[in-house]
């Protein structure tokens, strides 16, 4: 699996949300300013070529669907993130959030309790 670009990931988010979708459905989900439909079609075809999407044909129209589950990509993406920015250490990641006050002591206590239960 390879890391998706921001645009590719935003398109995949739509497929994970909708399940199956035509290009027109994807266009409706995109925020303004919307890219040209040709750009979206190109991204979808690239995602299909790279094994992230597949399609069903209805004449000349295609309905696309995700082959990769959101959870699979989330796991891959998070592992890459932790490797790239925290040397693969979940401890360093958690320490960063504590130092930057992105996690409060109550949430940290709850997290520790969950870890003890496992």
C-alpha atoms as a PDB file:
ATOM      1  CA  UNK A   1       0.000   0.000   0.000  1.00  0.00           C
ATOM      2  CA  UNK A   2       1.234   3.500  -0.705  1.00  0.00           C
ATOM      3  CA  UNK A   3       0.400   6.843   0.841  1.00  0.00           C
ATOM      4  CA  UNK A   4      -2.389   8.745  -0.933  1.00  0.00           C
ATOM      5  CA  UNK A   5      -2.155  12.386  -1.912  1.00  0.00           C
ATOM      6  CA  UNK A   6      -4.490  14.831  -0.170  1.00  0.00           C
ATOM      7  CA  UNK A   7      -6.848  14.834  -3.187  1.00  0.00           C
ATOM      8  CA  UNK A   8      -6.815  11.058  -3.511  1.00  0.00           C
ATOM      9  CA  UNK A   9      -7.543  10.670   0.191  1.00  0.00           C
ATOM     10  CA  UNK A  10     -10.447  13.133   0.028  1.00  0.00           C
ATOM     11  CA  UNK A  11     -11.944  11.112  -2.852  1.00  0.00           C
ATOM     12  CA  UNK A  12     -11.467   7.860  -0.927  1.00  0.00           C
ATOM     13  CA  UNK A  13     -13.215   9.410   2.086  1.00  0.00           C
ATOM     14  CA  UNK A  14     -16.256   9.926  -0.139  1.00  0.00           C
ATOM     15  CA  UNK A  15     -16.246   6.289  -1.280  1.00  0.00           C
ATOM     16  CA  UNK A  16     -15.851   5.086   2.308  1.00  0.00           C
ATOM     17  CA  UNK A  17     -18.835   7.243   3.238  1.00  0.00           C
ATOM     18  CA  UNK A  18     -21.099   6.380   0.285  1.00  0.00           C
ATOM     19  CA  UNK A  19     -20.048   2.802  -0.427  1.00  0.00           C
ATOM     20  CA  UNK A  20     -20.726   2.759  -4.174  1.00  0.00           C
ATOM     21  CA  UNK A  21     -20.840   5.948  -6.218  1.00  0.00           C
ATOM     22  CA  UNK A  22     -20.840   7.384  -9.701  1.00  0.00           C
ATOM     23  CA  UNK A  23     -18.571  10.324 -10.514  1.00  0.00           C
ATOM     24  CA  UNK A  24     -21.589  12.652 -10.302  1.00  0.00           C
ATOM     25  CA  UNK A  25     -22.182  11.441  -6.726  1.00  0.00           C
ATOM     26  CA  UNK A  26     -18.572  12.164  -5.842  1.00  0.00           C
ATOM     27  CA  UNK A  27     -18.876  15.640  -7.360  1.00  0.00           C
ATOM     28  CA  UNK A  28     -21.912  16.375  -5.176  1.00  0.00           C
ATOM     29  CA  UNK A  29     -19.964  15.453  -2.037  1.00  0.00           C
ATOM     30  CA  UNK A  30     -16.974  17.685  -2.806  1.00  0.00           C
ATOM     31  CA  UNK A  31     -16.730  21.082  -1.175  1.00  0.00           C
ATOM     32  CA  UNK A  32     -16.533  24.335  -3.092  1.00  0.00           C
ATOM     33  CA  UNK A  33     -14.594  25.239  -5.077  1.00  0.00           C
ATOM     34  CA  UNK A  34     -15.102  21.921  -6.807  1.00  0.00           C
ATOM     35  CA  UNK A  35     -12.386  20.650  -9.143  1.00  0.00           C
ATOM     36  CA  UNK A  36     -13.360  19.975 -12.757  1.00  0.00           C
ATOM     37  CA  UNK A  37     -15.152  16.671 -13.327  1.00  0.00           C
ATOM     38  CA  UNK A  38     -12.275  15.593 -15.589  1.00  0.00           C
ATOM     39  CA  UNK A  39      -9.852  15.989 -12.688  1.00  0.00           C
ATOM     40  CA  UNK A  40     -12.063  13.917 -10.394  1.00  0.00           C
ATOM     41  CA  UNK A  41     -12.433  11.252 -13.111  1.00  0.00           C
ATOM     42  CA  UNK A  42      -8.662  11.112 -13.526  1.00  0.00           C
ATOM     43  CA  UNK A  43      -8.117  10.709  -9.784  1.00  0.00           C
ATOM     44  CA  UNK A  44     -10.745   7.954  -9.611  1.00  0.00           C
ATOM     45  CA  UNK A  45      -9.160   6.102 -12.538  1.00  0.00           C
ATOM     46  CA  UNK A  46      -5.726   6.416 -10.887  1.00  0.00           C
ATOM     47  CA  UNK A  47      -7.126   5.070  -7.611  1.00  0.00           C
ATOM     48  CA  UNK A  48      -8.603   2.159  -9.541  1.00  0.00           C
ATOM     49  CA  UNK A  49      -5.317   1.491 -11.339  1.00  0.00           C
ATOM     50  CA  UNK A  50      -3.522   1.465  -7.982  1.00  0.00           C
ATOM     51  CA  UNK A  51      -5.959  -1.054  -6.502  1.00  0.00           C
ATOM     52  CA  UNK A  52      -7.902   1.243  -4.174  1.00  0.00           C
ATOM     53  CA  UNK A  53     -11.130   1.223  -6.206  1.00  0.00           C
ATOM     54  CA  UNK A  54     -12.966  -1.068  -8.624  1.00  0.00           C
ATOM     55  CA  UNK A  55     -16.050  -0.473 -10.753  1.00  0.00           C
ATOM     56  CA  UNK A  56     -19.233  -1.987 -12.089  1.00  0.00           C
ATOM     57  CA  UNK A  57     -20.122  -1.043 -15.653  1.00  0.00           C
ATOM     58  CA  UNK A  58     -23.585   0.144 -16.643  1.00  0.00           C
ATOM     59  CA  UNK A  59     -23.194   0.709 -20.352  1.00  0.00           C
ATOM     60  CA  UNK A  60     -20.713   3.574 -20.675  1.00  0.00           C
ATOM     61  CA  UNK A  61     -21.183   4.609 -17.054  1.00  0.00           C
ATOM     62  CA  UNK A  62     -19.190   3.205 -14.152  1.00  0.00           C
ATOM     63  CA  UNK A  63     -20.141   2.937 -10.507  1.00  0.00           C
ATOM     64  CA  UNK A  64     -17.037   2.756  -8.331  1.00  0.00           C
ATOM     65  CA  UNK A  65     -16.480   1.212  -4.912  1.00  0.00           C
ATOM     66  CA  UNK A  66     -13.567   0.927  -2.492  1.00  0.00           C
ATOM     67  CA  UNK A  67     -11.430  -2.206  -2.407  1.00  0.00           C
ATOM     68  CA  UNK A  68      -9.434  -0.971   0.590  1.00  0.00           C
ATOM     69  CA  UNK A  69     -11.310  -0.543   3.863  1.00  0.00           C
ATOM     70  CA  UNK A  70     -11.007   2.746   5.698  1.00  0.00           C
ATOM     71  CA  UNK A  71      -9.674   0.909   8.761  1.00  0.00           C
ATOM     72  CA  UNK A  72      -6.897  -0.706   6.682  1.00  0.00           C
ATOM     73  CA  UNK A  73      -5.782   2.626   5.298  1.00  0.00           C
ATOM     74  CA  UNK A  74      -6.069   4.331   8.702  1.00  0.00           C
ATOM     75  CA  UNK A  75      -3.794   1.676  10.243  1.00  0.00           C
ATOM     76  CA  UNK A  76      -1.267   1.977   7.407  1.00  0.00           C
ATOM     77  CA  UNK A  77      -1.353   5.785   7.470  1.00  0.00           C
ATOM     78  CA  UNK A  78      -1.029   6.045  11.252  1.00  0.00           C
ATOM     79  CA  UNK A  79       1.878   3.597  11.324  1.00  0.00           C
ATOM     80  CA  UNK A  80       3.653   5.641   8.624  1.00  0.00           C
ATOM     81  CA  UNK A  81       2.962   8.850  10.556  1.00  0.00           C
ATOM     82  CA  UNK A  82       4.340   7.434  13.818  1.00  0.00           C
ATOM     83  CA  UNK A  83       7.386   6.034  11.976  1.00  0.00           C
ATOM     84  CA  UNK A  84       8.104   9.295  10.150  1.00  0.00           C
ATOM     85  CA  UNK A  85       7.557  11.755  12.984  1.00  0.00           C
ATOM     86  CA  UNK A  86       8.068   9.787  16.203  1.00  0.00           C
ATOM     87  CA  UNK A  87      10.641   7.153  15.284  1.00  0.00           C
ATOM     88  CA  UNK A  88       7.996   4.432  15.416  1.00  0.00           C
ATOM     89  CA  UNK A  89       7.416   5.096  19.125  1.00  0.00           C
ATOM     90  CA  UNK A  90       3.830   5.313  20.354  1.00  0.00           C
ATOM     91  CA  UNK A  91       5.288   6.532  23.659  1.00  0.00           C
ATOM     92  CA  UNK A  92       6.871   9.538  21.909  1.00  0.00           C
ATOM     93  CA  UNK A  93       3.561  10.221  20.146  1.00  0.00           C
ATOM     94  CA  UNK A  94       1.617  10.194  23.416  1.00  0.00           C
ATOM     95  CA  UNK A  95       4.308  12.283  25.116  1.00  0.00           C
ATOM     96  CA  UNK A  96       3.987  14.866  22.345  1.00  0.00           C
ATOM     97  CA  UNK A  97       0.231  15.160  22.883  1.00  0.00           C
ATOM     98  CA  UNK A  98       0.708  15.530  26.639  1.00  0.00           C
ATOM     99  CA  UNK A  99       3.427  18.206  26.244  1.00  0.00           C
ATOM    100  CA  UNK A 100       1.362  20.147  23.717  1.00  0.00           C
ATOM    101  CA  UNK A 101      -1.678  19.917  26.013  1.00  0.00           C
ATOM    102  CA  UNK A 102      -3.687  18.152  23.304  1.00  0.00           C
ATOM    103  CA  UNK A 103      -4.765  15.519  25.806  1.00  0.00           C
ATOM    104  CA  UNK A 104      -5.962  16.366  29.286  1.00  0.00           C
ATOM    105  CA  UNK A 105      -5.073  14.387  32.433  1.00  0.00           C
ATOM    106  CA  UNK A 106      -8.574  12.882  32.714  1.00  0.00           C
ATOM    107  CA  UNK A 107      -8.426  11.528  29.178  1.00  0.00           C
ATOM    108  CA  UNK A 108      -4.925  10.200  29.818  1.00  0.00           C
ATOM    109  CA  UNK A 109      -6.129   8.427  32.984  1.00  0.00           C
ATOM    110  CA  UNK A 110      -9.028   6.882  31.037  1.00  0.00           C
ATOM    111  CA  UNK A 111      -6.624   5.748  28.320  1.00  0.00           C
ATOM    112  CA  UNK A 112      -4.333   4.153  30.900  1.00  0.00           C
ATOM    113  CA  UNK A 113      -7.297   2.338  32.466  1.00  0.00           C
ATOM    114  CA  UNK A 114      -8.297   0.994  29.041  1.00  0.00           C
ATOM    115  CA  UNK A 115      -4.754  -0.232  28.490  1.00  0.00           C
ATOM    116  CA  UNK A 116      -4.700  -1.955  31.886  1.00  0.00           C
ATOM    117  CA  UNK A 117      -7.979  -3.715  31.054  1.00  0.00           C
ATOM    118  CA  UNK A 118      -6.467  -5.199  27.909  1.00  0.00           C
END
